[in-house]
Amino acid sequence: MRAVRIINITKKIVIAEQAWVADTFYLRARGLIGRPPLRHGEAMIIKPCSAVHSLGLFYPIDVAFVNGDGEICRMLRPLRPNSLGPFVRGSRFVIELPAGALERLGVSIGDVLEVRK
């Protein structure tokens, strides 16, 4: 799985130094299941994606839904273990982060993100 950086260009901060991209059927289906909790500075990008779940996870996560313009259109802070998230119309991908990361970083709906290699 390849890793990228996620930058909040609205607030000029790094969201994740190391974000793994899940962009195949297998990687998207597995997501974080069976993996240890994300650490500070880590994230997972699932694309394409407009709905998430945490079935099989034993820890909460934060989720940011991002539209085609790179703008955050919905956030779940946190998505608790073994929960179903909503379908988010217009979402092109999601970013999953450690629980509390979105609040700690001051991320808001409407912020524009950029994914860099």
N, C-alpha and C. Protein backbone atom coordinates (compact mmCIF):
# COMPACT_ATOMS: atom_id res chain seq x y z
N MET A 1 0.86 -1.17 0.00
CA MET A 1 0.00 0.00 0.00
C MET A 1 0.90 1.24 0.00
N ARG A 2 0.62 2.17 -0.89
CA ARG A 2 1.46 3.37 -0.97
C ARG A 2 1.06 4.40 0.09
N ALA A 3 2.01 5.21 0.50
CA ALA A 3 1.77 6.23 1.51
C ALA A 3 1.92 7.62 0.90
N VAL A 4 1.09 8.56 1.38
CA VAL A 4 1.10 9.94 0.93
C VAL A 4 0.97 10.86 2.15
N ARG A 5 1.10 12.16 1.92
CA ARG A 5 0.87 13.18 2.97
C ARG A 5 -0.46 13.86 2.69
N ILE A 6 -1.13 14.28 3.74
CA ILE A 6 -2.38 15.04 3.60
C ILE A 6 -2.17 16.41 4.23
N ILE A 7 -2.39 17.45 3.41
CA ILE A 7 -2.20 18.83 3.85
C ILE A 7 -3.55 19.54 3.85
N ASN A 8 -3.85 20.25 4.92
CA ASN A 8 -5.03 21.12 4.96
C ASN A 8 -4.54 22.47 4.42
N ILE A 9 -4.84 22.76 3.15
CA ILE A 9 -4.32 23.99 2.55
C ILE A 9 -5.09 25.21 3.02
N THR A 10 -6.29 25.02 3.53
CA THR A 10 -7.04 26.15 4.10
C THR A 10 -6.34 26.68 5.34
N LYS A 11 -5.92 25.77 6.21
CA LYS A 11 -5.31 26.16 7.49
C LYS A 11 -3.80 26.04 7.49
N LYS A 12 -3.24 25.57 6.36
CA LYS A 12 -1.79 25.43 6.21
C LYS A 12 -1.17 24.55 7.30
N ILE A 13 -1.78 23.37 7.50
CA ILE A 13 -1.25 22.41 8.47
C ILE A 13 -1.22 21.02 7.84
N VAL A 14 -0.37 20.17 8.36
CA VAL A 14 -0.29 18.79 7.92
C VAL A 14 -1.31 17.98 8.73
N ILE A 15 -2.18 17.29 8.02
CA ILE A 15 -3.17 16.42 8.68
C ILE A 15 -2.53 15.07 9.00
N ALA A 16 -1.77 14.54 8.05
CA ALA A 16 -1.10 13.25 8.25
C ALA A 16 0.19 13.22 7.46
N GLU A 17 1.26 12.86 8.14
CA GLU A 17 2.56 12.70 7.48
C GLU A 17 2.60 11.40 6.68
N GLN A 18 1.86 10.41 7.18
CA GLN A 18 1.86 9.10 6.52
C GLN A 18 0.42 8.61 6.43
N ALA A 19 -0.13 8.67 5.23
CA ALA A 19 -1.50 8.20 4.98
C ALA A 19 -1.44 7.10 3.93
N TRP A 20 -1.99 5.95 4.28
CA TRP A 20 -2.00 4.83 3.36
C TRP A 20 -3.23 4.93 2.48
N VAL A 21 -3.05 4.66 1.19
CA VAL A 21 -4.14 4.78 0.22
C VAL A 21 -4.72 3.39 -0.06
N ALA A 22 -6.01 3.25 0.24
CA ALA A 22 -6.74 2.02 -0.06
C ALA A 22 -7.60 2.31 -1.28
N ASP A 23 -7.12 1.90 -2.45
CA ASP A 23 -7.82 2.24 -3.69
C ASP A 23 -8.09 1.04 -4.58
N THR A 24 -7.95 -0.16 -4.02
CA THR A 24 -8.35 -1.37 -4.74
C THR A 24 -9.51 -1.99 -3.97
N PHE A 25 -10.24 -2.89 -4.62
CA PHE A 25 -11.38 -3.52 -3.94
C PHE A 25 -10.94 -4.16 -2.63
N TYR A 26 -9.87 -4.94 -2.65
CA TYR A 26 -9.41 -5.63 -1.45
C TYR A 26 -9.00 -4.65 -0.35
N LEU A 27 -8.19 -3.66 -0.69
CA LEU A 27 -7.72 -2.71 0.32
C LEU A 27 -8.87 -1.89 0.90
N ARG A 28 -9.82 -1.50 0.05
CA ARG A 28 -10.99 -0.74 0.53
C ARG A 28 -11.85 -1.60 1.44
N ALA A 29 -12.05 -2.86 1.08
CA ALA A 29 -12.89 -3.74 1.88
C ALA A 29 -12.25 -4.01 3.25
N ARG A 30 -10.94 -4.16 3.29
CA ARG A 30 -10.26 -4.43 4.55
C ARG A 30 -10.14 -3.18 5.41
N GLY A 31 -9.76 -2.06 4.79
CA GLY A 31 -9.60 -0.82 5.55
C GLY A 31 -8.69 -1.01 6.74
N LEU A 32 -9.18 -0.63 7.92
CA LEU A 32 -8.40 -0.74 9.15
C LEU A 32 -8.65 -2.05 9.91
N ILE A 33 -9.53 -2.90 9.38
CA ILE A 33 -9.86 -4.14 10.08
C ILE A 33 -8.60 -5.00 10.23
N GLY A 34 -8.35 -5.43 11.46
CA GLY A 34 -7.20 -6.28 11.74
C GLY A 34 -5.89 -5.52 11.87
N ARG A 35 -5.96 -4.22 11.81
CA ARG A 35 -4.75 -3.39 11.94
C ARG A 35 -4.75 -2.72 13.32
N PRO A 36 -3.58 -2.40 13.83
CA PRO A 36 -3.53 -1.68 15.12
C PRO A 36 -4.07 -0.26 14.94
N PRO A 37 -4.47 0.38 16.04
CA PRO A 37 -4.97 1.75 15.94
C PRO A 37 -3.95 2.67 15.26
N LEU A 38 -4.48 3.63 14.51
CA LEU A 38 -3.61 4.63 13.88
C LEU A 38 -2.93 5.45 14.96
N ARG A 39 -1.69 5.83 14.70
CA ARG A 39 -0.93 6.67 15.62
C ARG A 39 -1.03 8.12 15.17
N HIS A 40 -0.59 9.01 16.03
CA HIS A 40 -0.53 10.43 15.70
C HIS A 40 0.24 10.61 14.38
N GLY A 41 -0.32 11.35 13.44
CA GLY A 41 0.34 11.60 12.17
C GLY A 41 0.05 10.57 11.10
N GLU A 42 -0.74 9.54 11.43
CA GLU A 42 -1.09 8.51 10.46
C GLU A 42 -2.56 8.64 10.06
N ALA A 43 -2.88 8.12 8.88
CA ALA A 43 -4.25 8.12 8.38
C ALA A 43 -4.40 7.05 7.32
N MET A 44 -5.64 6.80 6.94
CA MET A 44 -5.92 5.94 5.80
C MET A 44 -6.89 6.69 4.91
N ILE A 45 -6.61 6.68 3.61
CA ILE A 45 -7.49 7.25 2.60
C ILE A 45 -8.18 6.10 1.90
N ILE A 46 -9.50 6.15 1.84
CA ILE A 46 -10.26 5.13 1.13
C ILE A 46 -10.95 5.80 -0.04
N LYS A 47 -10.60 5.35 -1.26
CA LYS A 47 -11.20 5.97 -2.44
C LYS A 47 -11.44 4.96 -3.54
N PRO A 48 -12.54 5.08 -4.23
CA PRO A 48 -13.64 6.01 -3.95
C PRO A 48 -14.41 5.53 -2.73
N CYS A 49 -15.11 6.45 -2.06
CA CYS A 49 -15.85 6.09 -0.86
C CYS A 49 -16.85 7.17 -0.50
N SER A 50 -18.08 6.75 -0.21
CA SER A 50 -19.11 7.70 0.23
C SER A 50 -19.83 7.21 1.49
N ALA A 51 -19.40 6.08 2.06
CA ALA A 51 -19.95 5.57 3.31
C ALA A 51 -18.93 4.66 3.96
N VAL A 52 -18.89 4.67 5.28
CA VAL A 52 -17.93 3.84 6.01
C VAL A 52 -18.63 3.10 7.15
N HIS A 53 -17.92 2.12 7.67
CA HIS A 53 -18.38 1.41 8.88
C HIS A 53 -17.14 1.11 9.72
N SER A 54 -17.39 0.77 10.96
CA SER A 54 -16.29 0.36 11.84
C SER A 54 -16.54 -1.03 12.39
N LEU A 55 -17.28 -1.85 11.63
CA LEU A 55 -17.54 -3.23 12.04
C LEU A 55 -16.22 -3.99 12.09
N GLY A 56 -15.95 -4.63 13.20
CA GLY A 56 -14.72 -5.37 13.36
C GLY A 56 -13.58 -4.56 13.97
N LEU A 57 -13.77 -3.26 14.15
CA LEU A 57 -12.75 -2.45 14.81
C LEU A 57 -12.97 -2.47 16.32
N PHE A 58 -11.90 -2.33 17.06
CA PHE A 58 -11.99 -2.32 18.52
C PHE A 58 -11.64 -0.95 19.08
N TYR A 59 -11.56 0.05 18.23
CA TYR A 59 -11.20 1.40 18.66
C TYR A 59 -11.97 2.41 17.80
N PRO A 60 -12.24 3.61 18.34
CA PRO A 60 -12.93 4.64 17.56
C PRO A 60 -11.97 5.32 16.59
N ILE A 61 -12.54 5.92 15.54
CA ILE A 61 -11.75 6.67 14.56
C ILE A 61 -12.50 7.96 14.21
N ASP A 62 -11.78 8.95 13.75
CA ASP A 62 -12.37 10.14 13.14
C ASP A 62 -12.42 9.90 11.64
N VAL A 63 -13.46 10.43 10.99
CA VAL A 63 -13.62 10.25 9.55
C VAL A 63 -13.95 11.60 8.92
N ALA A 64 -13.25 11.96 7.87
CA ALA A 64 -13.55 13.16 7.08
C ALA A 64 -13.94 12.71 5.68
N PHE A 65 -15.11 13.12 5.23
CA PHE A 65 -15.58 12.85 3.87
C PHE A 65 -15.17 14.02 3.00
N VAL A 66 -14.57 13.75 1.86
CA VAL A 66 -14.00 14.79 1.00
C VAL A 66 -14.65 14.71 -0.38
N ASN A 67 -15.09 15.86 -0.90
CA ASN A 67 -15.74 15.88 -2.22
C ASN A 67 -14.72 16.00 -3.35
N GLY A 68 -15.19 16.12 -4.57
CA GLY A 68 -14.32 16.16 -5.74
C GLY A 68 -13.44 17.39 -5.84
N ASP A 69 -13.78 18.44 -5.08
CA ASP A 69 -12.97 19.65 -5.05
C ASP A 69 -11.94 19.64 -3.93
N GLY A 70 -11.86 18.51 -3.20
CA GLY A 70 -10.91 18.41 -2.10
C GLY A 70 -11.42 19.03 -0.82
N GLU A 71 -12.69 19.38 -0.78
CA GLU A 71 -13.30 20.07 0.37
C GLU A 71 -13.95 19.06 1.31
N ILE A 72 -13.73 19.23 2.59
CA ILE A 72 -14.37 18.36 3.57
C ILE A 72 -15.86 18.72 3.61
N CYS A 73 -16.71 17.71 3.36
CA CYS A 73 -18.15 17.95 3.31
C CYS A 73 -18.90 17.34 4.49
N ARG A 74 -18.24 16.47 5.26
CA ARG A 74 -18.87 15.89 6.45
C ARG A 74 -17.78 15.27 7.30
N MET A 75 -17.99 15.27 8.62
CA MET A 75 -17.03 14.66 9.53
C MET A 75 -17.77 13.82 10.56
N LEU A 76 -17.15 12.73 10.97
CA LEU A 76 -17.63 11.92 12.08
C LEU A 76 -16.55 11.96 13.14
N ARG A 77 -16.89 12.50 14.33
CA ARG A 77 -15.89 12.68 15.38
C ARG A 77 -16.44 12.19 16.71
N PRO A 78 -16.21 11.00 17.10
CA PRO A 78 -15.61 9.88 16.40
C PRO A 78 -16.68 8.94 15.85
N LEU A 79 -16.26 8.00 15.06
CA LEU A 79 -17.09 6.86 14.67
C LEU A 79 -16.70 5.76 15.64
N ARG A 80 -17.64 5.34 16.45
CA ARG A 80 -17.37 4.34 17.48
C ARG A 80 -17.21 2.94 16.87
N PRO A 81 -16.53 2.04 17.59
CA PRO A 81 -16.37 0.68 17.08
C PRO A 81 -17.71 0.02 16.77
N ASN A 82 -17.72 -0.80 15.74
CA ASN A 82 -18.89 -1.59 15.34
C ASN A 82 -20.11 -0.73 15.02
N SER A 83 -19.87 0.39 14.34
CA SER A 83 -20.93 1.32 13.95
C SER A 83 -21.00 1.46 12.44
N LEU A 84 -22.16 1.93 11.98
CA LEU A 84 -22.34 2.26 10.57
C LEU A 84 -22.38 3.77 10.43
N GLY A 85 -21.61 4.29 9.49
CA GLY A 85 -21.65 5.72 9.20
C GLY A 85 -22.71 5.99 8.13
N PRO A 86 -23.02 7.25 7.90
CA PRO A 86 -24.03 7.61 6.90
C PRO A 86 -23.48 7.55 5.48
N PHE A 87 -24.38 7.49 4.51
CA PHE A 87 -24.02 7.70 3.11
C PHE A 87 -23.90 9.21 2.92
N VAL A 88 -22.79 9.66 2.35
CA VAL A 88 -22.57 11.10 2.16
C VAL A 88 -22.54 11.39 0.66
N ARG A 89 -23.62 11.98 0.18
CA ARG A 89 -23.73 12.33 -1.24
C ARG A 89 -22.62 13.32 -1.61
N GLY A 90 -21.95 13.06 -2.72
CA GLY A 90 -20.89 13.94 -3.20
C GLY A 90 -19.50 13.60 -2.68
N SER A 91 -19.41 12.68 -1.72
CA SER A 91 -18.10 12.29 -1.20
C SER A 91 -17.35 11.48 -2.25
N ARG A 92 -16.09 11.82 -2.49
CA ARG A 92 -15.25 11.07 -3.43
C ARG A 92 -14.30 10.14 -2.70
N PHE A 93 -13.86 10.55 -1.50
CA PHE A 93 -13.01 9.69 -0.69
C PHE A 93 -13.15 10.08 0.77
N VAL A 94 -12.68 9.19 1.64
CA VAL A 94 -12.69 9.49 3.07
C VAL A 94 -11.28 9.38 3.60
N ILE A 95 -11.07 10.10 4.68
CA ILE A 95 -9.82 10.02 5.42
C ILE A 95 -10.16 9.54 6.82
N GLU A 96 -9.55 8.44 7.22
CA GLU A 96 -9.74 7.91 8.56
C GLU A 96 -8.50 8.25 9.38
N LEU A 97 -8.75 8.78 10.59
CA LEU A 97 -7.69 9.27 11.46
C LEU A 97 -7.90 8.75 12.88
N PRO A 98 -6.89 8.86 13.73
CA PRO A 98 -7.09 8.48 15.13
C PRO A 98 -8.21 9.33 15.74
N ALA A 99 -8.98 8.74 16.64
CA ALA A 99 -10.06 9.49 17.30
C ALA A 99 -9.49 10.74 17.98
N GLY A 100 -10.15 11.86 17.79
CA GLY A 100 -9.74 13.13 18.39
C GLY A 100 -8.84 13.96 17.51
N ALA A 101 -8.32 13.39 16.41
CA ALA A 101 -7.37 14.12 15.56
C ALA A 101 -8.01 15.33 14.89
N LEU A 102 -9.24 15.20 14.39
CA LEU A 102 -9.86 16.32 13.68
C LEU A 102 -10.04 17.52 14.60
N GLU A 103 -10.49 17.28 15.82
CA GLU A 103 -10.65 18.38 16.77
C GLU A 103 -9.30 18.96 17.19
N ARG A 104 -8.35 18.08 17.48
CA ARG A 104 -7.02 18.55 17.91
C ARG A 104 -6.36 19.41 16.85
N LEU A 105 -6.57 19.06 15.58
CA LEU A 105 -5.96 19.81 14.48
C LEU A 105 -6.80 21.02 14.04
N GLY A 106 -7.99 21.16 14.59
CA GLY A 106 -8.84 22.30 14.23
C GLY A 106 -9.43 22.20 12.84
N VAL A 107 -9.62 20.98 12.36
CA VAL A 107 -10.16 20.76 11.02
C VAL A 107 -11.66 21.06 11.03
N SER A 108 -12.15 21.72 9.96
CA SER A 108 -13.56 22.11 9.86
C SER A 108 -14.14 21.70 8.54
N ILE A 109 -15.47 21.55 8.52
CA ILE A 109 -16.17 21.34 7.25
C ILE A 109 -15.91 22.56 6.38
N GLY A 110 -15.60 22.32 5.11
CA GLY A 110 -15.27 23.40 4.19
C GLY A 110 -13.78 23.57 3.97
N ASP A 111 -12.95 23.02 4.88
CA ASP A 111 -11.50 23.08 4.67
C ASP A 111 -11.16 22.29 3.39
N VAL A 112 -10.16 22.79 2.66
CA VAL A 112 -9.72 22.13 1.44
C VAL A 112 -8.43 21.38 1.73
N LEU A 113 -8.41 20.10 1.32
CA LEU A 113 -7.26 19.24 1.54
C LEU A 113 -6.54 18.93 0.24
N GLU A 114 -5.26 18.64 0.38
CA GLU A 114 -4.46 18.23 -0.76
C GLU A 114 -3.68 16.99 -0.37
N VAL A 115 -3.68 16.00 -1.25
CA VAL A 115 -2.94 14.77 -1.03
C VAL A 115 -1.67 14.85 -1.87
N ARG A 116 -0.52 14.69 -1.22
CA ARG A 116 0.77 14.79 -1.90
C ARG A 116 1.56 13.51 -1.72
N LYS A 117 2.38 13.21 -2.74
CA LYS A 117 3.25 12.03 -2.67
C LYS A 117 4.40 12.28 -1.75
